[in-house]
Amino acid sequence: MRVSQTNPAGDLLIDLERSSDGPLHERVKRALRSAIREGRIEVGTALPPSRRLAADLGCSRWAVTEAYGQLVAEGYLEARSGSATRVRWSNAPDTDVERPAAGPAPAARFDLAPGLPDLRAFPRRRWADAVRAQVANAAFTELGYPPAGGHLRLRRLLAEYLGRSRGVSTIPQDVTVCASVTDGVRRMCHALRAEGITAVGCEEPGWTRLREVIRAAGLEPVPVRMDGRGLRIDDLAGRPGLRAVLTAPAHQFPLGTVLVPERRAALLDWARRVDGVVLEDDYDAEFRYDRRPVAAVQGMDPSRVVLFKSLSKTLSPALGIGWFVAPPRWTRQLHRADQLAAQPSALDQLAFAALLESGAYDRHLRACRQRYRLRRDTLVRALAEQLPGAPVSGVAAGLHLILRLPASVDTAAVVRAAAARSLRVADLAAYHATGDHADHGLVLGYGNLADHALHEAVDRLREAIEVSR
């Protein structure tokens, strides 16, 4: 018999009103039998001790023990000496057979898909120590509901950190803590819609999930083409009525381009002319290898730019911590309209604040930069050896690169063949919103790939490409 994992001493809701006729022990028996037959008490569940259930029901202990005894005799319960009385009966077939739990498909052995940092490098001990310290030392007033926008201590530290590391110009009151970049963009899109904005320009190609978030908020995602210098600002000017654009100027996904200075200035000039707003996704900005870091566009005009960031690429998406920096008028509107918006746990917010304040977060990023740079160098060399006819691009920063393939190779077939070899890769075409493009290749992420598995992963990729020609 499978044993339920529920608390054997937990509360048990028994409705005696439904069985109001007859002696009390009969009413208890009928109520228990109904709960078992309706599936409210699963097979293997341990029932409360008779003394406790009698106290809960306001009846004598004898009435409960008599009901238990009759249900044992009828086969609904099972009583063993020295053990709890458990439910035995079930209307499901083959309840004595342990069935494997349904679950997701097994993870690929070799993860070359983009979107994840090195989860093996998550600072478990530092994070656990930070949470433990907050539980032990936080004032009781900090354990209530955080104010709209997030915990004030974290917002203050984020304002300082972003000013120092990203050239962001803000005050703590205009920093809003959220669950992720997608959560922040979703909330901002609802605010845009309330202001009469009906469409948002999106980089083409770009991150598919953000386009879906924009569409789900009731706005139209409008593709805006990219080239080697970043977003084509002239294309924005050619779309009358468009007043908002989402862009990743520091490191565009998936092409890996950086918005050049003259286009940054042109982007802000466009936003001023149309009385619009720029939604800046600060994607992968921390990881630079072959070029100097570039500041956030937000610092050039804080009145026209909303900056979004999260810990999903630096620590882990499992933490569910992100933030956005908005002009004051948007911040006030967002906090008024979304006072019940979900926030990360107050203790997690305080733990991250502790890592920021102690410098542990900066040290973690420096260690990651060194690790990712070495891994990128090894991957680029392995690709050049195994696939000499396939050039790479977008390698100067971030956690992914583009592997260009000949037009004769079916990239969708490569993805399928790689999956059959327990290798995850992504088709570059999947990030396009339109079919009008010449991009042909794969997006290879190396953030979550184990160093010792890199050469075997590239070898399996070569095999997948060869069978897909």
Protein backbone atom coordinates (compact mmCIF):
# COMPACT_ATOMS: atom_id res chain seq x y z
CA MET A 1 0.00 0.00 0.00
CA ARG A 2 1.34 3.42 -0.92
CA VAL A 3 1.76 5.63 2.13
CA SER A 4 0.52 9.19 1.82
CA GLN A 5 3.08 11.92 2.48
CA THR A 6 0.49 14.13 4.20
CA ASN A 7 0.86 14.88 7.90
CA PRO A 8 -0.64 11.89 9.80
CA ALA A 9 -1.64 14.17 12.67
CA GLY A 10 -3.15 16.87 10.44
CA ASP A 11 -6.69 18.24 10.55
CA LEU A 12 -9.47 16.16 9.02
CA LEU A 13 -12.71 17.84 7.96
CA ILE A 14 -15.67 15.56 8.78
CA ASP A 15 -19.20 16.84 8.13
CA LEU A 16 -21.59 15.17 10.58
CA GLU A 17 -24.50 17.33 9.39
CA ARG A 18 -24.72 15.29 6.18
CA SER A 19 -25.25 12.18 8.32
CA SER A 20 -27.59 13.62 10.94
CA ASP A 21 -29.71 10.50 11.59
CA GLY A 22 -28.83 7.58 13.86
CA PRO A 23 -26.34 7.05 16.67
CA LEU A 24 -23.29 9.29 16.80
CA HIS A 25 -20.80 6.51 16.01
CA GLU A 26 -22.87 5.63 12.92
CA ARG A 27 -22.82 9.26 11.78
CA VAL A 28 -19.04 9.41 12.24
CA LYS A 29 -18.67 6.17 10.28
CA ARG A 30 -20.85 7.38 7.38
CA ALA A 31 -19.04 10.73 7.24
CA LEU A 32 -15.63 9.03 7.13
CA ARG A 33 -16.80 6.53 4.51
CA SER A 34 -18.12 9.36 2.31
CA ALA A 35 -14.83 11.25 2.59
CA ILE A 36 -12.91 8.13 1.56
CA ARG A 37 -15.22 7.24 -1.34
CA GLU A 38 -15.19 10.83 -2.65
CA GLY A 39 -11.38 10.74 -2.74
CA ARG A 40 -10.93 13.52 -0.17
CA ILE A 41 -8.84 11.11 1.92
CA GLU A 42 -6.37 9.24 -0.27
CA VAL A 43 -5.37 5.61 0.11
CA GLY A 44 -2.51 5.29 2.58
CA THR A 45 -3.43 8.44 4.52
CA ALA A 46 -3.01 8.10 8.29
CA LEU A 47 -6.14 9.18 10.17
CA PRO A 48 -5.87 11.30 13.33
CA PRO A 49 -5.70 9.48 16.68
CA SER A 50 -9.19 8.74 18.02
CA ARG A 51 -8.74 11.07 20.99
CA ARG A 52 -7.83 14.02 18.75
CA LEU A 53 -10.61 13.43 16.23
CA ALA A 54 -13.13 13.08 19.06
CA ALA A 55 -12.01 16.44 20.46
CA ASP A 56 -12.33 18.05 17.02
CA LEU A 57 -15.83 16.61 16.49
CA GLY A 58 -16.99 17.30 20.04
CA CYS A 59 -17.98 13.70 20.68
CA SER A 60 -16.81 10.82 22.86
CA ARG A 61 -13.66 8.91 22.00
CA TRP A 62 -15.76 5.70 21.99
CA ALA A 63 -17.82 6.99 19.02
CA VAL A 64 -14.65 7.47 16.98
CA THR A 65 -13.01 4.15 17.93
CA GLU A 66 -16.27 2.34 17.15
CA ALA A 67 -16.47 4.05 13.73
CA TYR A 68 -12.83 3.18 13.00
CA GLY A 69 -13.46 -0.47 13.98
CA GLN A 70 -16.48 -0.81 11.72
CA LEU A 71 -14.65 0.74 8.76
CA VAL A 72 -11.74 -1.66 9.33
CA ALA A 73 -14.21 -4.54 9.20
CA GLU A 74 -15.69 -3.18 5.96
CA GLY A 75 -12.22 -2.90 4.36
CA TYR A 76 -12.07 0.91 4.22
CA LEU A 77 -9.37 1.23 6.89
CA GLU A 78 -6.39 -0.80 8.02
CA ALA A 79 -5.25 -0.89 11.64
CA ARG A 80 -1.89 -2.27 12.74
CA SER A 81 -0.62 -2.60 16.28
CA GLY A 82 1.72 0.26 17.15
CA SER A 83 0.89 2.17 13.96
CA ALA A 84 -1.69 4.70 12.80
CA THR A 85 -5.02 3.71 11.31
CA ARG A 86 -4.71 4.22 7.55
CA VAL A 87 -7.08 4.38 4.60
CA ARG A 88 -7.05 1.13 2.65
CA TRP A 89 -9.89 1.51 0.13
CA SER A 90 -9.65 3.36 -3.17
CA ASN A 91 -11.85 3.45 -6.24
CA ALA A 92 -8.78 3.76 -8.48
CA PRO A 93 -7.63 0.56 -10.21
CA ASP A 94 -4.36 -1.11 -9.22
CA THR A 95 -3.79 1.07 -6.17
CA ASP A 96 -1.32 -1.44 -4.75
CA VAL A 97 0.99 -0.94 -7.73
CA GLU A 98 3.48 1.87 -7.38
CA ARG A 99 3.29 3.93 -10.55
CA PRO A 100 6.16 6.09 -11.73
CA ALA A 101 5.39 9.77 -11.27
CA ALA A 102 4.79 11.73 -14.44
CA GLY A 103 7.46 14.32 -15.02
CA PRO A 104 9.22 16.41 -17.65
CA ALA A 105 11.29 14.86 -20.37
CA PRO A 106 14.81 13.99 -19.23
CA ALA A 107 17.25 16.88 -19.50
CA ALA A 108 19.78 16.78 -22.30
CA ARG A 109 23.27 15.74 -21.24
CA PHE A 110 24.81 18.58 -23.22
CA ASP A 111 23.17 21.99 -22.85
CA LEU A 112 24.10 24.42 -25.63
CA ALA A 113 20.78 26.27 -25.54
CA PRO A 114 20.90 29.99 -24.67
CA GLY A 115 19.26 31.64 -21.70
CA LEU A 116 20.93 30.14 -18.62
CA PRO A 117 24.04 30.97 -16.58
CA ASP A 118 26.25 28.29 -15.06
CA LEU A 119 23.85 26.82 -12.52
CA ARG A 120 26.67 24.72 -11.08
CA ALA A 121 28.36 27.96 -10.00
CA PHE A 122 25.41 29.29 -8.03
CA PRO A 123 26.89 30.52 -4.71
CA ARG A 124 24.85 28.18 -2.53
CA ARG A 125 26.76 28.76 0.69
CA ARG A 126 26.84 32.54 0.36
CA TRP A 127 23.15 32.66 -0.47
CA ALA A 128 22.23 30.32 2.38
CA ASP A 129 24.37 32.34 4.80
CA ALA A 130 22.73 35.57 3.64
CA VAL A 131 19.21 34.18 4.08
CA ARG A 132 20.11 32.71 7.48
CA ALA A 133 21.54 36.05 8.62
CA GLN A 134 18.39 37.90 7.60
CA VAL A 135 16.15 35.39 9.38
CA ALA A 136 18.27 35.77 12.52
CA ASN A 137 18.83 39.52 12.49
CA ALA A 138 16.11 41.29 10.53
CA ALA A 139 13.84 43.50 12.60
CA PHE A 140 10.34 42.09 13.00
CA THR A 141 8.99 45.07 11.05
CA GLU A 142 10.87 43.87 7.97
CA LEU A 143 9.02 40.55 7.97
CA GLY A 144 5.71 42.06 6.89
CA TYR A 145 4.53 42.86 3.37
CA PRO A 146 7.09 44.94 1.47
CA PRO A 147 5.84 48.30 0.17
CA ALA A 148 4.81 48.68 -3.46
CA GLY A 149 8.04 48.65 -5.44
CA GLY A 150 9.98 46.35 -3.13
CA HIS A 151 12.03 46.53 0.04
CA LEU A 152 13.48 50.03 0.50
CA ARG A 153 16.91 48.74 1.53
CA LEU A 154 17.29 46.73 -1.67
CA ARG A 155 16.03 49.60 -3.82
CA ARG A 156 18.59 51.95 -2.25
CA LEU A 157 21.44 49.51 -2.83
CA LEU A 158 20.30 48.81 -6.40
CA ALA A 159 20.23 52.54 -7.19
CA GLU A 160 23.83 52.83 -5.94
CA TYR A 161 24.97 49.68 -7.73
CA LEU A 162 23.37 50.60 -11.06
CA GLY A 163 24.84 54.09 -10.94
CA ARG A 164 28.31 52.70 -10.25
CA SER A 165 28.31 49.73 -12.64
CA ARG A 166 25.93 50.75 -15.45
CA GLY A 167 25.89 54.54 -15.44
CA VAL A 168 22.20 54.59 -14.50
CA SER A 169 20.77 57.83 -13.12
CA THR A 170 18.02 57.15 -10.59
CA ILE A 171 16.89 57.39 -6.98
CA PRO A 172 15.67 54.46 -4.82
CA GLN A 173 12.02 55.55 -5.13
CA ASP A 174 12.13 54.98 -8.91
CA VAL A 175 13.59 51.46 -8.65
CA THR A 176 10.88 48.78 -8.64
CA VAL A 177 11.62 45.20 -7.58
CA CYS A 178 9.77 42.56 -9.63
CA ALA A 179 9.99 38.85 -10.39
CA SER A 180 11.83 38.98 -13.74
CA VAL A 181 12.39 41.05 -16.87
CA THR A 182 9.28 39.52 -18.41
CA ASP A 183 7.28 40.48 -15.31
CA GLY A 184 8.58 44.05 -15.46
CA VAL A 185 7.86 44.36 -19.19
CA ARG A 186 4.36 42.96 -18.63
CA ARG A 187 3.60 45.55 -15.97
CA MET A 188 5.03 48.35 -18.09
CA CYS A 189 2.97 47.27 -21.10
CA HIS A 190 -0.23 47.55 -19.07
CA ALA A 191 0.82 51.07 -18.09
CA LEU A 192 1.53 51.94 -21.74
CA ARG A 193 -1.86 50.66 -22.77
CA ALA A 194 -3.53 52.81 -20.11
CA GLU A 195 -1.76 55.80 -21.70
CA GLY A 196 -3.19 55.02 -25.12
CA ILE A 197 -0.05 53.39 -26.58
CA THR A 198 -1.14 50.42 -28.68
CA ALA A 199 2.12 49.02 -30.13
CA VAL A 200 5.72 48.36 -29.11
CA GLY A 201 8.61 48.10 -31.56
CA CYS A 202 10.62 44.89 -31.05
CA GLU A 203 14.04 43.93 -32.35
CA GLU A 204 13.88 41.56 -35.32
CA PRO A 205 15.18 38.98 -34.51
CA GLY A 206 14.64 39.16 -30.76
CA TRP A 207 13.68 37.34 -27.60
CA THR A 208 10.45 35.49 -28.41
CA ARG A 209 9.09 35.47 -24.86
CA LEU A 210 9.06 39.27 -24.62
CA ARG A 211 7.08 39.55 -27.84
CA GLU A 212 4.55 37.13 -26.35
CA VAL A 213 4.35 39.21 -23.15
CA ILE A 214 3.67 42.36 -25.18
CA ARG A 215 0.94 40.64 -27.18
CA ALA A 216 -0.64 39.15 -24.05
CA ALA A 217 -0.84 42.67 -22.57
CA GLY A 218 -3.01 43.73 -25.52
CA LEU A 219 -0.32 45.57 -27.47
CA GLU A 220 1.00 44.86 -30.95
CA PRO A 221 4.68 43.83 -31.19
CA VAL A 222 6.04 45.57 -34.30
CA PRO A 223 9.22 44.03 -35.80
CA VAL A 224 12.09 46.50 -36.26
CA ARG A 225 15.08 45.22 -38.21
CA MET A 226 18.62 44.85 -36.87
CA ASP A 227 21.99 45.09 -38.57
CA GLY A 228 25.62 45.02 -37.47
CA ARG A 229 25.26 48.44 -35.81
CA GLY A 230 22.18 47.54 -33.78
CA LEU A 231 18.56 48.63 -34.08
CA ARG A 232 17.73 50.47 -37.30
CA ILE A 233 16.38 53.76 -35.97
CA ASP A 234 15.28 54.89 -39.43
CA ASP A 235 12.77 52.04 -39.44
CA LEU A 236 11.21 53.45 -36.27
CA ALA A 237 10.77 56.84 -37.90
CA GLY A 238 9.01 55.14 -40.81
CA ARG A 239 6.20 53.82 -38.58
CA PRO A 240 3.77 56.64 -37.77
CA GLY A 241 2.01 56.26 -34.44
CA LEU A 242 4.67 54.05 -32.86
CA ARG A 243 5.70 55.54 -29.51
CA ALA A 244 7.42 52.70 -27.64
CA VAL A 245 10.29 50.37 -28.50
CA LEU A 246 11.92 47.44 -26.67
CA THR A 247 15.64 47.05 -27.28
CA ALA A 248 18.76 45.46 -25.76
CA PRO A 249 21.46 48.00 -26.69
CA ALA A 250 24.30 46.62 -24.52
CA HIS A 251 24.19 43.09 -25.97
CA GLN A 252 21.34 42.22 -28.31
CA PHE A 253 19.80 38.78 -28.25
CA PRO A 254 20.39 36.72 -30.32
CA LEU A 255 22.75 38.58 -32.70
CA GLY A 256 25.07 39.89 -29.97
CA THR A 257 25.38 43.38 -31.48
CA VAL A 258 25.91 46.62 -29.53
CA LEU A 259 23.93 49.74 -30.41
CA VAL A 260 26.51 52.20 -31.71
CA PRO A 261 26.76 55.70 -30.15
CA GLU A 262 25.18 57.62 -33.04
CA ARG A 263 22.18 55.29 -33.03
CA ARG A 264 21.83 55.65 -29.26
CA ALA A 265 21.53 59.39 -29.72
CA ALA A 266 19.12 58.90 -32.65
CA LEU A 267 16.98 56.53 -30.57
CA LEU A 268 16.55 59.09 -27.81
CA ASP A 269 15.89 61.85 -30.33
CA TRP A 270 13.12 59.70 -31.83
CA ALA A 271 11.59 59.12 -28.36
CA ARG A 272 11.51 62.87 -27.69
CA ARG A 273 9.97 63.69 -31.06
CA VAL A 274 7.09 61.21 -30.69
CA ASP A 275 6.70 61.72 -26.90
CA GLY A 276 7.58 58.05 -26.54
CA VAL A 277 9.46 55.69 -24.28
CA VAL A 278 12.39 53.28 -24.71
CA LEU A 279 12.21 49.95 -22.88
CA GLU A 280 15.86 48.95 -22.32
CA ASP A 281 16.55 45.29 -21.63
CA ASP A 282 20.02 45.33 -20.04
CA TYR A 283 20.68 41.80 -21.34
CA ASP A 284 24.05 40.18 -20.50
CA ALA A 285 25.61 43.59 -19.81
CA GLU A 286 27.92 42.19 -17.10
CA PHE A 287 29.81 39.79 -19.36
CA ARG A 288 32.33 41.55 -21.62
CA TYR A 289 35.43 39.86 -22.97
CA ASP A 290 36.90 41.58 -26.02
CA ARG A 291 35.48 45.09 -25.71
CA ARG A 292 35.01 47.68 -23.03
CA PRO A 293 31.70 47.80 -21.14
CA VAL A 294 29.11 50.22 -22.46
CA ALA A 295 26.87 52.23 -20.17
CA ALA A 296 23.10 51.89 -20.15
CA VAL A 297 21.15 54.17 -22.48
CA GLN A 298 19.00 55.13 -19.48
CA GLY A 299 21.79 57.34 -18.13
CA MET A 300 21.62 59.48 -21.30
CA ASP A 301 17.95 60.42 -20.75
CA PRO A 302 16.31 59.05 -17.57
CA SER A 303 13.03 60.77 -18.51
CA ARG A 304 12.55 58.64 -21.65
CA VAL A 305 14.02 55.22 -20.77
CA VAL A 306 12.81 52.34 -18.59
CA LEU A 307 15.65 49.92 -17.72
CA PHE A 308 14.94 46.23 -16.99
CA LYS A 309 17.25 43.69 -15.35
CA SER A 310 17.12 40.45 -13.34
CA LEU A 311 19.30 37.85 -11.65
CA SER A 312 18.34 35.11 -14.13
CA LYS A 313 21.61 35.43 -16.11
CA THR A 314 23.92 36.32 -13.23
CA LEU A 315 22.77 34.04 -10.38
CA SER A 316 19.74 31.91 -11.24
CA PRO A 317 16.21 32.31 -12.61
CA ALA A 318 15.03 30.17 -9.68
CA LEU A 319 15.41 33.19 -7.36
CA GLY A 320 12.71 35.12 -9.20
CA ILE A 321 14.29 38.53 -8.53
CA GLY A 322 14.35 41.35 -11.06
CA TRP A 323 13.95 45.11 -11.13
CA PHE A 324 13.23 48.02 -13.40
CA VAL A 325 14.10 51.71 -13.27
CA ALA A 326 11.43 54.03 -14.66
CA PRO A 327 10.90 57.80 -14.92
CA PRO A 328 8.98 59.15 -11.90
CA ARG A 329 5.67 59.59 -13.74
CA TRP A 330 5.69 55.95 -14.87
CA THR A 331 6.76 54.70 -11.42
CA ARG A 332 3.88 56.50 -9.71
CA GLN A 333 1.39 55.14 -12.24
CA LEU A 334 2.76 51.59 -11.98
CA HIS A 335 2.61 51.55 -8.19
CA ARG A 336 -0.94 52.93 -8.13
CA ALA A 337 -2.24 50.52 -10.76
CA ASP A 338 -0.40 47.41 -9.60
CA GLN A 339 -0.39 47.54 -5.78
CA LEU A 340 -1.15 43.81 -5.56
CA ALA A 341 1.65 42.79 -7.93
CA ALA A 342 3.59 39.76 -6.71
CA GLN A 343 7.06 40.43 -5.33
CA PRO A 344 10.01 38.22 -4.50
CA SER A 345 10.11 37.04 -0.89
CA ALA A 346 11.07 39.83 1.51
CA LEU A 347 13.78 37.57 2.96
CA ASP A 348 15.20 36.92 -0.52
CA GLN A 349 15.19 40.63 -1.24
CA LEU A 350 17.11 41.25 1.98
CA ALA A 351 19.52 38.38 1.23
CA PHE A 352 20.35 39.85 -2.18
CA ALA A 353 20.73 43.27 -0.58
CA ALA A 354 23.29 41.74 1.80
CA LEU A 355 25.28 40.30 -1.13
CA LEU A 356 25.26 43.69 -2.84
CA GLU A 357 26.32 45.56 0.29
CA SER A 358 29.14 43.16 1.19
CA GLY A 359 30.60 43.09 -2.33
CA ALA A 360 29.92 39.35 -2.65
CA TYR A 361 27.76 39.91 -5.74
CA ASP A 362 30.56 41.83 -7.50
CA ARG A 363 33.05 39.10 -6.62
CA HIS A 364 30.69 36.48 -8.00
CA LEU A 365 30.38 38.40 -11.29
CA ARG A 366 34.15 38.76 -11.63
CA ALA A 367 34.63 35.02 -11.14
CA CYS A 368 31.88 34.30 -13.69
CA ARG A 369 33.44 36.62 -16.27
CA GLN A 370 36.73 34.76 -16.07
CA ARG A 371 35.01 31.36 -16.23
CA TYR A 372 32.80 32.28 -19.19
CA ARG A 373 35.65 33.87 -21.12
CA LEU A 374 37.75 30.68 -20.87
CA ARG A 375 34.74 28.56 -21.81
CA ARG A 376 33.95 30.78 -24.79
CA ASP A 377 37.56 30.58 -26.03
CA THR A 378 37.50 26.79 -25.77
CA LEU A 379 34.15 26.56 -27.58
CA VAL A 380 35.26 28.85 -30.42
CA ARG A 381 38.43 26.78 -30.93
CA ALA A 382 36.49 23.50 -30.88
CA LEU A 383 33.97 24.81 -33.44
CA ALA A 384 36.80 26.01 -35.71
CA GLU A 385 38.40 22.54 -35.57
CA GLN A 386 35.25 20.47 -36.01
CA LEU A 387 33.27 22.82 -38.31
CA PRO A 388 35.81 24.91 -40.21
CA GLY A 389 33.25 26.03 -42.80
CA ALA A 390 30.85 27.49 -40.23
CA PRO A 391 31.84 30.97 -39.02
CA VAL A 392 30.80 32.30 -35.61
CA SER A 393 29.68 35.79 -34.60
CA GLY A 394 28.53 37.63 -31.48
CA VAL A 395 31.44 36.24 -29.45
CA ALA A 396 32.71 39.44 -27.81
CA ALA A 397 30.27 39.33 -24.90
CA GLY A 398 27.43 37.48 -23.23
CA LEU A 399 26.69 33.80 -22.80
CA HIS A 400 25.94 32.73 -26.37
CA LEU A 401 27.21 32.98 -29.93
CA ILE A 402 25.86 32.49 -33.44
CA LEU A 403 27.08 29.57 -35.56
CA ARG A 404 26.40 30.36 -39.23
CA LEU A 405 25.55 27.37 -41.42
CA PRO A 406 25.36 26.94 -45.21
CA ALA A 407 21.90 27.39 -46.75
CA SER A 408 22.00 23.72 -47.75
CA VAL A 409 21.73 22.69 -44.09
CA ASP A 410 18.24 22.34 -42.63
CA THR A 411 18.67 24.05 -39.24
CA ALA A 412 15.38 22.67 -37.88
CA ALA A 413 16.60 19.17 -38.76
CA VAL A 414 19.88 19.90 -36.98
CA VAL A 415 17.98 20.81 -33.80
CA ARG A 416 16.06 17.51 -33.99
CA ALA A 417 19.17 15.46 -34.74
CA ALA A 418 21.00 17.14 -31.86
CA ALA A 419 18.12 16.36 -29.49
CA ALA A 420 18.34 12.70 -30.51
CA ARG A 421 21.98 12.88 -29.36
CA SER A 422 21.00 14.44 -25.99
CA LEU A 423 22.24 17.86 -27.10
CA ARG A 424 20.21 21.08 -26.81
CA VAL A 425 20.71 23.79 -29.42
CA ALA A 426 18.46 26.57 -30.74
CA ASP A 427 17.53 27.48 -34.31
CA LEU A 428 18.29 31.14 -35.10
CA ALA A 429 15.16 31.28 -37.28
CA ALA A 430 12.99 30.62 -34.20
CA TYR A 431 13.75 34.14 -32.90
CA HIS A 432 12.41 35.88 -36.00
CA ALA A 433 8.88 37.26 -36.02
CA THR A 434 8.70 37.29 -39.83
CA GLY A 435 9.86 35.00 -42.60
CA ASP A 436 11.59 37.86 -44.40
CA HIS A 437 15.16 37.25 -43.30
CA ALA A 438 18.38 35.69 -44.54
CA ASP A 439 19.68 34.51 -41.16
CA HIS A 440 20.65 30.85 -41.21
CA GLY A 441 22.34 29.20 -38.29
CA LEU A 442 22.20 28.14 -34.67
CA VAL A 443 22.26 30.03 -31.37
CA LEU A 444 24.67 28.25 -29.03
CA GLY A 445 24.65 29.09 -25.34
CA TYR A 446 27.66 28.13 -23.27
CA GLY A 447 26.63 29.47 -19.88
CA ASN A 448 25.23 26.19 -18.53
CA LEU A 449 27.58 23.79 -20.33
CA ALA A 450 30.03 21.87 -18.16
CA ASP A 451 33.64 22.55 -19.20
CA HIS A 452 34.57 18.87 -19.31
CA ALA A 453 31.66 18.17 -21.70
CA LEU A 454 32.41 20.89 -24.22
CA HIS A 455 34.43 18.90 -26.77
CA GLU A 456 31.99 15.98 -26.78
CA ALA A 457 29.11 18.43 -27.21
CA VAL A 458 30.75 19.96 -30.29
CA ASP A 459 31.47 16.50 -31.66
CA ARG A 460 27.78 15.57 -31.35
CA LEU A 461 26.82 18.87 -32.96
CA ARG A 462 29.05 18.10 -35.94
CA GLU A 463 27.33 14.73 -36.30
CA ALA A 464 23.89 16.36 -36.17
CA ILE A 465 24.87 18.83 -38.89
CA GLU A 466 26.34 16.12 -41.12
CA VAL A 467 23.18 14.00 -41.03
CA SER A 468 21.02 17.08 -41.79
CA ARG A 469 22.70 18.12 -45.02
